[in-house]
Amino acid sequence: MPDIEMLKEPEPRATLEKERLFKELPEHLKPIVTFALATSLKRANVAGLKWSQIDLSRRIAWIFATQAKSSKPIGIQLNDEAMSAILSQRGKHKTNVFTYNGKPIKNPAGTAWKKALKRAKIENYTFHDNRHTWATNHAVQGTPTRQLTELGGWSSEKMVKRYAHMNVDHLKQYAANSAQFDTKLTPN
């Protein structure tokens, strides 16, 4: 029998303590972090978002294929939080959605982000972890994996499972279902 190397399971990623973080975030980062948590978009896609990529009336945004890791365009449904974040930025810049002092924010995970995390006492959390938090929240709320795959712009359900750290609390209501059957065994 050959030796099989058992790989360690990766450490679970930190879950966002949103309230603590938002108390420490500078005002110019709150809308961009809110948008990231509401859409699952990557840092570069959020920071580089242009007004021309948003249809406010249809509540959608899109990432062009040239901007996506998968080289495929991504359509994003904008929920109320995402819409609120975007609308708070109207009139601040002609082309870019998220700005600071009239200039596009190039790196929302820079010094101000790191200092806010430190003040909030949140360790081992990166801007990319907003994507994990988004996926986990969806999974816990019961978003089906197939739809979550599409919402997150992933190419496979395997990637969803990598991002959505399953919290089994939402399964409690179903765990007792097996006890509700008649305990008598029935022949085939």
N, C-alpha and C. Protein backbone atom coordinates (compact mmCIF):
# COMPACT_ATOMS: atom_id res chain seq x y z
N MET A 1 0.85 -1.17 0.00
CA MET A 1 0.00 0.00 0.00
C MET A 1 0.90 1.24 0.00
N PRO A 2 0.71 2.14 -0.96
CA PRO A 2 1.57 3.33 -1.02
C PRO A 2 1.25 4.31 0.11
N ASP A 3 2.27 5.07 0.49
CA ASP A 3 2.05 6.14 1.47
C ASP A 3 1.30 7.28 0.80
N ILE A 4 0.30 7.76 1.48
CA ILE A 4 -0.47 8.89 0.96
C ILE A 4 -0.29 10.05 1.90
N GLU A 5 0.21 11.13 1.36
CA GLU A 5 0.41 12.31 2.19
C GLU A 5 -0.92 12.99 2.45
N MET A 6 -1.25 13.16 3.71
CA MET A 6 -2.49 13.83 4.08
C MET A 6 -2.20 15.33 4.20
N LEU A 7 -2.92 16.11 3.45
CA LEU A 7 -2.73 17.55 3.50
C LEU A 7 -3.56 18.14 4.62
N LYS A 8 -3.00 19.17 5.23
CA LYS A 8 -3.74 19.86 6.29
C LYS A 8 -4.87 20.65 5.66
N GLU A 9 -5.98 20.70 6.37
CA GLU A 9 -7.08 21.54 5.93
C GLU A 9 -6.69 22.98 6.20
N PRO A 10 -6.93 23.88 5.27
CA PRO A 10 -6.53 25.27 5.49
C PRO A 10 -7.27 25.87 6.68
N GLU A 11 -6.59 26.80 7.34
CA GLU A 11 -7.21 27.51 8.45
C GLU A 11 -8.44 28.26 7.93
N PRO A 12 -9.52 28.27 8.70
CA PRO A 12 -10.68 29.03 8.26
C PRO A 12 -10.34 30.52 8.20
N ARG A 13 -10.84 31.17 7.19
CA ARG A 13 -10.57 32.59 7.03
C ARG A 13 -11.41 33.37 8.03
N ALA A 14 -10.90 34.51 8.38
CA ALA A 14 -11.59 35.34 9.35
C ALA A 14 -12.93 35.80 8.79
N THR A 15 -13.92 35.86 9.64
CA THR A 15 -15.19 36.45 9.22
C THR A 15 -15.18 37.90 9.66
N LEU A 16 -15.80 38.70 8.88
CA LEU A 16 -15.76 40.14 9.11
C LEU A 16 -16.62 40.55 10.28
N GLU A 17 -16.06 41.34 11.15
CA GLU A 17 -16.80 41.95 12.23
C GLU A 17 -17.12 43.36 11.75
N LYS A 18 -18.13 43.42 10.92
CA LYS A 18 -18.45 44.61 10.15
C LYS A 18 -18.64 45.85 11.01
N GLU A 19 -19.39 45.72 12.07
CA GLU A 19 -19.69 46.90 12.89
C GLU A 19 -18.42 47.52 13.45
N ARG A 20 -17.53 46.68 13.97
CA ARG A 20 -16.27 47.20 14.52
C ARG A 20 -15.42 47.84 13.44
N LEU A 21 -15.34 47.20 12.28
CA LEU A 21 -14.54 47.75 11.19
C LEU A 21 -15.10 49.09 10.73
N PHE A 22 -16.41 49.15 10.53
CA PHE A 22 -17.00 50.38 10.01
C PHE A 22 -16.87 51.55 10.97
N LYS A 23 -16.78 51.28 12.25
CA LYS A 23 -16.54 52.36 13.21
C LYS A 23 -15.17 52.96 13.02
N GLU A 24 -14.24 52.18 12.50
CA GLU A 24 -12.85 52.62 12.36
C GLU A 24 -12.48 53.06 10.94
N LEU A 25 -13.28 52.69 9.96
CA LEU A 25 -12.97 53.06 8.58
C LEU A 25 -13.12 54.56 8.36
N PRO A 26 -12.21 55.17 7.61
CA PRO A 26 -12.42 56.56 7.23
C PRO A 26 -13.64 56.65 6.30
N GLU A 27 -14.29 57.78 6.30
CA GLU A 27 -15.54 57.96 5.54
C GLU A 27 -15.40 57.60 4.06
N HIS A 28 -14.26 57.91 3.44
CA HIS A 28 -14.12 57.64 2.00
C HIS A 28 -14.04 56.15 1.69
N LEU A 29 -13.72 55.31 2.68
CA LEU A 29 -13.65 53.87 2.42
C LEU A 29 -14.95 53.13 2.73
N LYS A 30 -15.82 53.73 3.49
CA LYS A 30 -17.07 53.04 3.85
C LYS A 30 -17.89 52.64 2.63
N PRO A 31 -18.11 53.53 1.66
CA PRO A 31 -18.90 53.11 0.49
C PRO A 31 -18.23 52.01 -0.34
N ILE A 32 -16.93 52.06 -0.47
CA ILE A 32 -16.24 51.07 -1.29
C ILE A 32 -16.25 49.70 -0.61
N VAL A 33 -16.11 49.66 0.71
CA VAL A 33 -16.16 48.40 1.44
C VAL A 33 -17.59 47.87 1.47
N THR A 34 -18.55 48.76 1.65
CA THR A 34 -19.96 48.37 1.59
C THR A 34 -20.27 47.72 0.25
N PHE A 35 -19.81 48.35 -0.82
CA PHE A 35 -20.04 47.82 -2.17
C PHE A 35 -19.36 46.47 -2.35
N ALA A 36 -18.14 46.33 -1.87
CA ALA A 36 -17.42 45.05 -1.99
C ALA A 36 -18.16 43.94 -1.25
N LEU A 37 -18.65 44.24 -0.05
CA LEU A 37 -19.38 43.24 0.73
C LEU A 37 -20.73 42.91 0.12
N ALA A 38 -21.29 43.83 -0.64
CA ALA A 38 -22.61 43.62 -1.23
C ALA A 38 -22.54 42.93 -2.59
N THR A 39 -21.36 42.91 -3.22
CA THR A 39 -21.28 42.40 -4.59
C THR A 39 -20.29 41.27 -4.80
N SER A 40 -19.35 41.09 -3.92
CA SER A 40 -18.28 40.09 -4.01
C SER A 40 -17.21 40.44 -5.03
N LEU A 41 -17.22 41.64 -5.55
CA LEU A 41 -16.21 41.99 -6.54
C LEU A 41 -14.83 42.11 -5.91
N LYS A 42 -13.84 41.82 -6.71
CA LYS A 42 -12.45 41.90 -6.27
C LYS A 42 -12.04 43.37 -6.14
N ARG A 43 -10.97 43.56 -5.38
CA ARG A 43 -10.47 44.91 -5.08
C ARG A 43 -10.28 45.76 -6.34
N ALA A 44 -9.58 45.23 -7.33
CA ALA A 44 -9.31 46.00 -8.54
C ALA A 44 -10.59 46.35 -9.29
N ASN A 45 -11.56 45.43 -9.29
CA ASN A 45 -12.82 45.68 -9.98
C ASN A 45 -13.64 46.75 -9.28
N VAL A 46 -13.63 46.75 -7.95
CA VAL A 46 -14.36 47.77 -7.20
C VAL A 46 -13.67 49.12 -7.36
N ALA A 47 -12.36 49.15 -7.16
CA ALA A 47 -11.62 50.41 -7.24
C ALA A 47 -11.68 51.01 -8.65
N GLY A 48 -11.69 50.15 -9.65
CA GLY A 48 -11.69 50.64 -11.03
C GLY A 48 -13.07 50.83 -11.64
N LEU A 49 -14.11 50.67 -10.83
CA LEU A 49 -15.47 50.76 -11.36
C LEU A 49 -15.78 52.15 -11.91
N LYS A 50 -16.30 52.16 -13.14
CA LYS A 50 -16.64 53.42 -13.82
C LYS A 50 -18.16 53.57 -13.88
N TRP A 51 -18.60 54.80 -13.94
CA TRP A 51 -20.04 55.07 -14.07
C TRP A 51 -20.60 54.43 -15.33
N SER A 52 -19.78 54.31 -16.37
CA SER A 52 -20.23 53.71 -17.63
C SER A 52 -20.51 52.21 -17.49
N GLN A 53 -20.13 51.61 -16.37
CA GLN A 53 -20.34 50.18 -16.13
C GLN A 53 -21.58 49.93 -15.26
N ILE A 54 -22.34 50.96 -15.02
CA ILE A 54 -23.49 50.83 -14.12
C ILE A 54 -24.76 51.30 -14.82
N ASP A 55 -25.81 50.51 -14.67
CA ASP A 55 -27.14 50.90 -15.13
C ASP A 55 -28.00 51.02 -13.88
N LEU A 56 -28.16 52.25 -13.38
CA LEU A 56 -28.89 52.47 -12.14
C LEU A 56 -30.35 52.07 -12.24
N SER A 57 -30.97 52.31 -13.38
CA SER A 57 -32.40 51.99 -13.52
C SER A 57 -32.65 50.48 -13.48
N ARG A 58 -31.73 49.70 -14.01
CA ARG A 58 -31.88 48.24 -14.00
C ARG A 58 -31.19 47.60 -12.80
N ARG A 59 -30.47 48.41 -12.03
CA ARG A 59 -29.76 47.96 -10.83
C ARG A 59 -28.74 46.86 -11.15
N ILE A 60 -27.95 47.12 -12.18
CA ILE A 60 -26.89 46.17 -12.54
C ILE A 60 -25.59 46.93 -12.82
N ALA A 61 -24.51 46.21 -12.64
CA ALA A 61 -23.18 46.69 -13.02
C ALA A 61 -22.53 45.54 -13.77
N TRP A 62 -21.47 45.83 -14.50
CA TRP A 62 -20.78 44.75 -15.19
C TRP A 62 -19.29 45.02 -15.19
N ILE A 63 -18.59 43.91 -15.21
CA ILE A 63 -17.14 43.92 -15.32
C ILE A 63 -16.84 43.36 -16.70
N PHE A 64 -16.06 44.09 -17.46
CA PHE A 64 -15.72 43.65 -18.81
C PHE A 64 -14.80 42.43 -18.75
N ALA A 65 -14.82 41.64 -19.80
CA ALA A 65 -13.99 40.44 -19.87
C ALA A 65 -12.51 40.77 -19.65
N THR A 66 -12.08 41.91 -20.14
CA THR A 66 -10.67 42.31 -19.98
C THR A 66 -10.33 42.66 -18.53
N GLN A 67 -11.34 42.87 -17.70
CA GLN A 67 -11.11 43.21 -16.29
C GLN A 67 -11.29 42.00 -15.37
N ALA A 68 -11.75 40.89 -15.91
CA ALA A 68 -12.07 39.72 -15.10
C ALA A 68 -10.96 38.68 -15.17
N LYS A 69 -10.70 38.05 -14.05
CA LYS A 69 -9.68 37.00 -13.97
C LYS A 69 -10.00 35.86 -14.94
N SER A 70 -11.28 35.54 -15.07
CA SER A 70 -11.71 34.44 -15.94
C SER A 70 -11.75 34.84 -17.42
N SER A 71 -11.50 36.10 -17.71
CA SER A 71 -11.59 36.64 -19.07
C SER A 71 -13.00 36.54 -19.64
N LYS A 72 -13.99 36.47 -18.75
CA LYS A 72 -15.39 36.46 -19.15
C LYS A 72 -16.07 37.64 -18.47
N PRO A 73 -16.99 38.29 -19.17
CA PRO A 73 -17.69 39.41 -18.53
C PRO A 73 -18.52 38.94 -17.34
N ILE A 74 -18.67 39.80 -16.36
CA ILE A 74 -19.44 39.47 -15.16
C ILE A 74 -20.54 40.51 -15.00
N GLY A 75 -21.77 40.04 -14.88
CA GLY A 75 -22.90 40.92 -14.59
C GLY A 75 -23.20 40.86 -13.10
N ILE A 76 -23.43 42.00 -12.50
CA ILE A 76 -23.66 42.06 -11.06
C ILE A 76 -25.01 42.68 -10.78
N GLN A 77 -25.86 41.93 -10.10
CA GLN A 77 -27.14 42.48 -9.63
C GLN A 77 -26.83 43.34 -8.40
N LEU A 78 -27.34 44.54 -8.38
CA LEU A 78 -27.06 45.46 -7.27
C LEU A 78 -28.19 45.44 -6.26
N ASN A 79 -27.89 44.94 -5.06
CA ASN A 79 -28.88 44.94 -3.99
C ASN A 79 -28.98 46.33 -3.36
N ASP A 80 -29.80 46.48 -2.35
CA ASP A 80 -30.01 47.80 -1.74
C ASP A 80 -28.73 48.39 -1.18
N GLU A 81 -27.89 47.56 -0.54
CA GLU A 81 -26.64 48.08 0.02
C GLU A 81 -25.71 48.57 -1.08
N ALA A 82 -25.60 47.81 -2.16
CA ALA A 82 -24.74 48.21 -3.27
C ALA A 82 -25.25 49.51 -3.90
N MET A 83 -26.56 49.58 -4.08
CA MET A 83 -27.15 50.81 -4.65
C MET A 83 -26.90 52.02 -3.76
N SER A 84 -27.05 51.84 -2.46
CA SER A 84 -26.81 52.92 -1.52
C SER A 84 -25.36 53.41 -1.61
N ALA A 85 -24.43 52.47 -1.68
CA ALA A 85 -23.01 52.83 -1.77
C ALA A 85 -22.74 53.61 -3.06
N ILE A 86 -23.31 53.17 -4.15
CA ILE A 86 -23.09 53.84 -5.43
C ILE A 86 -23.74 55.22 -5.44
N LEU A 87 -24.98 55.28 -5.00
CA LEU A 87 -25.69 56.56 -5.03
C LEU A 87 -25.02 57.61 -4.15
N SER A 88 -24.35 57.17 -3.09
CA SER A 88 -23.65 58.11 -2.22
C SER A 88 -22.44 58.74 -2.92
N GLN A 89 -22.06 58.19 -4.05
CA GLN A 89 -20.89 58.68 -4.79
C GLN A 89 -21.24 59.55 -6.00
N ARG A 90 -22.52 59.67 -6.29
CA ARG A 90 -22.93 60.45 -7.47
C ARG A 90 -22.46 61.90 -7.36
N GLY A 91 -21.96 62.39 -8.47
CA GLY A 91 -21.53 63.78 -8.55
C GLY A 91 -20.14 64.05 -8.03
N LYS A 92 -19.45 63.05 -7.55
CA LYS A 92 -18.10 63.25 -7.00
C LYS A 92 -17.01 63.16 -8.06
N HIS A 93 -17.28 62.43 -9.15
CA HIS A 93 -16.27 62.27 -10.20
C HIS A 93 -16.99 61.95 -11.51
N LYS A 94 -16.45 62.42 -12.61
CA LYS A 94 -17.09 62.20 -13.92
C LYS A 94 -17.07 60.74 -14.36
N THR A 95 -15.96 60.07 -14.16
CA THR A 95 -15.83 58.72 -14.70
C THR A 95 -15.79 57.62 -13.64
N ASN A 96 -15.07 57.83 -12.56
CA ASN A 96 -14.91 56.79 -11.54
C ASN A 96 -15.95 56.89 -10.45
N VAL A 97 -16.39 55.75 -9.95
CA VAL A 97 -17.40 55.72 -8.90
C VAL A 97 -16.80 56.07 -7.55
N PHE A 98 -15.72 55.39 -7.19
CA PHE A 98 -15.16 55.57 -5.84
C PHE A 98 -13.92 56.45 -5.87
N THR A 99 -13.99 57.55 -5.13
CA THR A 99 -12.91 58.54 -5.15
C THR A 99 -12.57 59.02 -3.73
N TYR A 100 -11.44 59.69 -3.66
CA TYR A 100 -11.02 60.35 -2.42
C TYR A 100 -10.37 61.67 -2.82
N ASN A 101 -10.87 62.75 -2.28
CA ASN A 101 -10.38 64.10 -2.61
C ASN A 101 -10.38 64.35 -4.12
N GLY A 102 -11.43 63.89 -4.80
CA GLY A 102 -11.59 64.14 -6.22
C GLY A 102 -10.79 63.24 -7.14
N LYS A 103 -10.06 62.30 -6.59
CA LYS A 103 -9.25 61.39 -7.41
C LYS A 103 -9.71 59.96 -7.18
N PRO A 104 -9.63 59.12 -8.24
CA PRO A 104 -10.04 57.71 -8.09
C PRO A 104 -9.22 57.01 -7.01
N ILE A 105 -9.89 56.18 -6.24
CA ILE A 105 -9.19 55.35 -5.25
C ILE A 105 -8.55 54.20 -6.01
N LYS A 106 -7.25 54.11 -5.95
CA LYS A 106 -6.55 53.05 -6.67
C LYS A 106 -6.39 51.79 -5.84
N ASN A 107 -6.17 51.97 -4.55
CA ASN A 107 -5.96 50.81 -3.68
C ASN A 107 -6.74 50.97 -2.39
N PRO A 108 -7.96 50.43 -2.34
CA PRO A 108 -8.76 50.56 -1.12
C PRO A 108 -8.21 49.75 0.05
N ALA A 109 -7.20 48.92 -0.21
CA ALA A 109 -6.60 48.09 0.85
C ALA A 109 -5.26 48.66 1.29
N GLY A 110 -5.08 49.94 1.13
CA GLY A 110 -3.82 50.58 1.49
C GLY A 110 -3.72 50.92 2.97
N THR A 111 -2.99 51.96 3.27
CA THR A 111 -2.69 52.35 4.65
C THR A 111 -3.93 52.61 5.48
N ALA A 112 -4.90 53.33 4.95
CA ALA A 112 -6.11 53.66 5.72
C ALA A 112 -6.88 52.39 6.09
N TRP A 113 -6.96 51.44 5.17
CA TRP A 113 -7.61 50.15 5.42
C TRP A 113 -6.88 49.39 6.53
N LYS A 114 -5.57 49.31 6.41
CA LYS A 114 -4.76 48.57 7.39
C LYS A 114 -4.84 49.20 8.78
N LYS A 115 -4.83 50.51 8.84
CA LYS A 115 -4.94 51.20 10.14
C LYS A 115 -6.32 50.97 10.76
N ALA A 116 -7.35 50.96 9.94
CA ALA A 116 -8.72 50.72 10.44
C ALA A 116 -8.83 49.30 11.01
N LEU A 117 -8.26 48.33 10.32
CA LEU A 117 -8.27 46.96 10.82
C LEU A 117 -7.55 46.86 12.17
N LYS A 118 -6.43 47.55 12.25
CA LYS A 118 -5.64 47.52 13.50
C LYS A 118 -6.43 48.15 14.65
N ARG A 119 -7.04 49.30 14.40
CA ARG A 119 -7.84 49.97 15.44
C ARG A 119 -9.03 49.11 15.86
N ALA A 120 -9.61 48.39 14.89
CA ALA A 120 -10.76 47.53 15.17
C ALA A 120 -10.36 46.19 15.78
N LYS A 121 -9.04 45.97 15.87
CA LYS A 121 -8.51 44.71 16.41
C LYS A 121 -8.98 43.49 15.61
N ILE A 122 -8.95 43.65 14.29
CA ILE A 122 -9.30 42.56 13.38
C ILE A 122 -8.00 42.12 12.71
N GLU A 123 -7.62 40.87 12.96
CA GLU A 123 -6.37 40.36 12.43
C GLU A 123 -6.64 39.37 11.29
N ASN A 124 -5.64 39.23 10.44
CA ASN A 124 -5.69 38.25 9.35
C ASN A 124 -6.91 38.43 8.46
N TYR A 125 -7.22 39.65 8.15
CA TYR A 125 -8.35 39.93 7.26
C TYR A 125 -7.85 40.85 6.15
N THR A 126 -8.06 40.43 4.92
CA THR A 126 -7.63 41.22 3.78
C THR A 126 -8.86 41.76 3.04
N PHE A 127 -8.65 42.66 2.13
CA PHE A 127 -9.76 43.18 1.34
C PHE A 127 -10.43 42.05 0.56
N HIS A 128 -9.64 41.10 0.10
CA HIS A 128 -10.18 39.96 -0.65
C HIS A 128 -11.10 39.11 0.22
N ASP A 129 -10.89 39.14 1.53
CA ASP A 129 -11.76 38.37 2.43
C ASP A 129 -13.20 38.89 2.41
N ASN A 130 -13.41 40.09 1.91
CA ASN A 130 -14.78 40.58 1.74
C ASN A 130 -15.55 39.65 0.82
N ARG A 131 -14.86 39.09 -0.15
CA ARG A 131 -15.47 38.15 -1.11
C ARG A 131 -15.88 36.86 -0.39
N HIS A 132 -15.01 36.39 0.50
CA HIS A 132 -15.33 35.20 1.28
C HIS A 132 -16.51 35.46 2.21
N THR A 133 -16.51 36.62 2.84
CA THR A 133 -17.61 36.99 3.74
C THR A 133 -18.92 37.03 2.97
N TRP A 134 -18.90 37.64 1.79
CA TRP A 134 -20.09 37.72 0.95
C TRP A 134 -20.62 36.32 0.63
N ALA A 135 -19.73 35.44 0.18
CA ALA A 135 -20.15 34.08 -0.21
C ALA A 135 -20.67 33.30 1.00
N THR A 136 -20.01 33.43 2.12
CA THR A 136 -20.44 32.73 3.33
C THR A 136 -21.82 33.22 3.76
N ASN A 137 -22.02 34.52 3.74
CA ASN A 137 -23.33 35.07 4.12
C ASN A 137 -24.43 34.54 3.20
N HIS A 138 -24.15 34.46 1.92
CA HIS A 138 -25.13 33.90 0.98
C HIS A 138 -25.44 32.44 1.30
N ALA A 139 -24.39 31.66 1.54
CA ALA A 139 -24.58 30.24 1.84
C ALA A 139 -25.42 30.05 3.10
N VAL A 140 -25.12 30.82 4.12
CA VAL A 140 -25.86 30.72 5.38
C VAL A 140 -27.32 31.12 5.19
N GLN A 141 -27.57 32.09 4.33
CA GLN A 141 -28.94 32.55 4.09
C GLN A 141 -29.70 31.63 3.13
N GLY A 142 -29.01 30.61 2.60
CA GLY A 142 -29.70 29.62 1.78
C GLY A 142 -29.66 29.85 0.28
N THR A 143 -28.81 30.74 -0.19
CA THR A 143 -28.70 30.92 -1.64
C THR A 143 -28.20 29.62 -2.25
N PRO A 144 -28.93 29.05 -3.20
CA PRO A 144 -28.50 27.79 -3.81
C PRO A 144 -27.12 27.93 -4.48
N THR A 145 -26.35 26.87 -4.42
CA THR A 145 -24.97 26.88 -4.91
C THR A 145 -24.90 27.30 -6.38
N ARG A 146 -25.83 26.81 -7.18
CA ARG A 146 -25.81 27.15 -8.62
C ARG A 146 -25.95 28.66 -8.83
N GLN A 147 -26.90 29.27 -8.11
CA GLN A 147 -27.10 30.70 -8.25
C GLN A 147 -25.93 31.48 -7.64
N LEU A 148 -25.38 30.98 -6.55
CA LEU A 148 -24.24 31.62 -5.92
C LEU A 148 -23.03 31.60 -6.85
N THR A 149 -22.88 30.52 -7.59
CA THR A 149 -21.80 30.41 -8.57
C THR A 149 -21.92 31.53 -9.61
N GLU A 150 -23.13 31.75 -10.09
CA GLU A 150 -23.36 32.80 -11.08
C GLU A 150 -23.19 34.19 -10.47
N LEU A 151 -23.77 34.40 -9.30
CA LEU A 151 -23.66 35.71 -8.63
C LEU A 151 -22.21 36.10 -8.39
N GLY A 152 -21.39 35.14 -7.99
CA GLY A 152 -19.99 35.43 -7.69
C GLY A 152 -19.07 35.42 -8.90
N GLY A 153 -19.61 35.04 -10.05
CA GLY A 153 -18.80 35.03 -11.26
C GLY A 153 -17.78 33.90 -11.29
N TRP A 154 -18.05 32.81 -10.56
CA TRP A 154 -17.13 31.68 -10.54
C TRP A 154 -17.43 30.73 -11.68
N SER A 155 -16.42 30.00 -12.10
CA SER A 155 -16.59 29.08 -13.22
C SER A 155 -17.13 27.72 -12.78
N SER A 156 -17.06 27.42 -11.48
CA SER A 156 -17.54 26.12 -11.03
C SER A 156 -18.06 26.20 -9.59
N GLU A 157 -18.88 25.22 -9.24
CA GLU A 157 -19.40 25.15 -7.87
C GLU A 157 -18.29 24.81 -6.89
N LYS A 158 -17.23 24.20 -7.38
CA LYS A 158 -16.07 23.88 -6.54
C LYS A 158 -15.48 25.18 -5.97
N MET A 159 -15.44 26.22 -6.78
CA MET A 159 -14.90 27.50 -6.31
C MET A 159 -15.81 28.11 -5.25
N VAL A 160 -17.11 27.93 -5.37
CA VAL A 160 -18.04 28.45 -4.37
C VAL A 160 -17.72 27.83 -3.02
N LYS A 161 -17.49 26.54 -3.02
CA LYS A 161 -17.21 25.85 -1.76
C LYS A 161 -15.90 26.31 -1.15
N ARG A 162 -14.99 26.75 -1.99
CA ARG A 162 -13.71 27.28 -1.50
C ARG A 162 -13.92 28.64 -0.83
N TYR A 163 -14.85 29.40 -1.35
CA TYR A 163 -15.11 30.74 -0.83
C TYR A 163 -16.14 30.77 0.29
N ALA A 164 -17.19 29.99 0.15
CA ALA A 164 -18.28 30.02 1.13
C ALA A 164 -17.97 29.07 2.27
N HIS A 165 -17.51 29.62 3.37
CA HIS A 165 -17.17 28.81 4.53
C HIS A 165 -18.46 28.46 5.25
N MET A 166 -18.79 27.21 5.18
CA MET A 166 -20.09 26.79 5.64
C MET A 166 -20.23 26.86 7.16
N ASN A 167 -21.25 27.54 7.56
CA ASN A 167 -21.69 27.60 8.95
C ASN A 167 -22.93 26.72 8.95
N VAL A 168 -22.94 25.69 9.75
CA VAL A 168 -24.03 24.72 9.69
C VAL A 168 -25.25 25.13 10.52
N ASP A 169 -25.21 26.28 11.16
CA ASP A 169 -26.35 26.71 11.98
C ASP A 169 -27.65 26.74 11.18
N HIS A 170 -27.57 27.11 9.91
CA HIS A 170 -28.78 27.20 9.08
C HIS A 170 -29.37 25.82 8.76
N LEU A 171 -28.66 24.75 9.11
CA LEU A 171 -29.14 23.40 8.85
C LEU A 171 -29.88 22.79 10.05
N LYS A 172 -29.85 23.47 11.19
CA LYS A 172 -30.48 22.95 12.41
C LYS A 172 -31.94 22.57 12.18
N GLN A 173 -32.66 23.44 11.47
CA GLN A 173 -34.09 23.18 11.25
C GLN A 173 -34.34 21.89 10.49
N TYR A 174 -33.36 21.42 9.72
CA TYR A 174 -33.53 20.21 8.93
C TYR A 174 -33.01 18.96 9.64
N ALA A 175 -32.13 19.14 10.60
CA ALA A 175 -31.50 18.01 11.27
C ALA A 175 -32.52 17.11 11.96
N ALA A 176 -33.57 17.69 12.49
CA ALA A 176 -34.57 16.91 13.22
C ALA A 176 -35.53 16.18 12.28
N ASN A 177 -35.49 16.47 11.00
CA ASN A 177 -36.42 15.83 10.07
C ASN A 177 -36.36 14.32 10.08
N SER A 178 -35.19 13.74 10.26
CA SER A 178 -35.09 12.27 10.25
C SER A 178 -35.78 11.66 11.47
N ALA A 179 -35.91 12.40 12.54
CA ALA A 179 -36.55 11.88 13.75
C ALA A 179 -38.07 11.90 13.63
N GLN A 180 -38.60 12.55 12.63
CA GLN A 180 -40.05 12.67 12.48
C GLN A 180 -40.68 11.52 11.72
N PHE A 181 -39.85 10.60 11.24
CA PHE A 181 -40.39 9.45 10.52
C PHE A 181 -40.83 8.39 11.51
N ASP A 182 -41.74 7.56 11.06
CA ASP A 182 -42.17 6.41 11.86
C ASP A 182 -40.95 5.51 12.04
N THR A 183 -40.71 5.09 13.26
CA THR A 183 -39.51 4.30 13.54
C THR A 183 -39.63 2.84 13.13
N LYS A 184 -40.79 2.38 12.71
CA LYS A 184 -40.96 0.99 12.26
C LYS A 184 -40.31 0.84 10.90
N LEU A 185 -39.55 -0.23 10.77
CA LEU A 185 -38.96 -0.51 9.46
C LEU A 185 -40.04 -1.13 8.59
N THR A 186 -40.09 -0.70 7.36
CA THR A 186 -41.08 -1.24 6.45
C THR A 186 -40.39 -2.08 5.39
N PRO A 187 -40.99 -3.20 5.00
CA PRO A 187 -40.37 -4.04 3.96
C PRO A 187 -40.44 -3.33 2.61
N ASN A 188 -39.52 -3.71 1.72
CA ASN A 188 -39.52 -3.14 0.37
C ASN A 188 -40.70 -3.55 -0.41
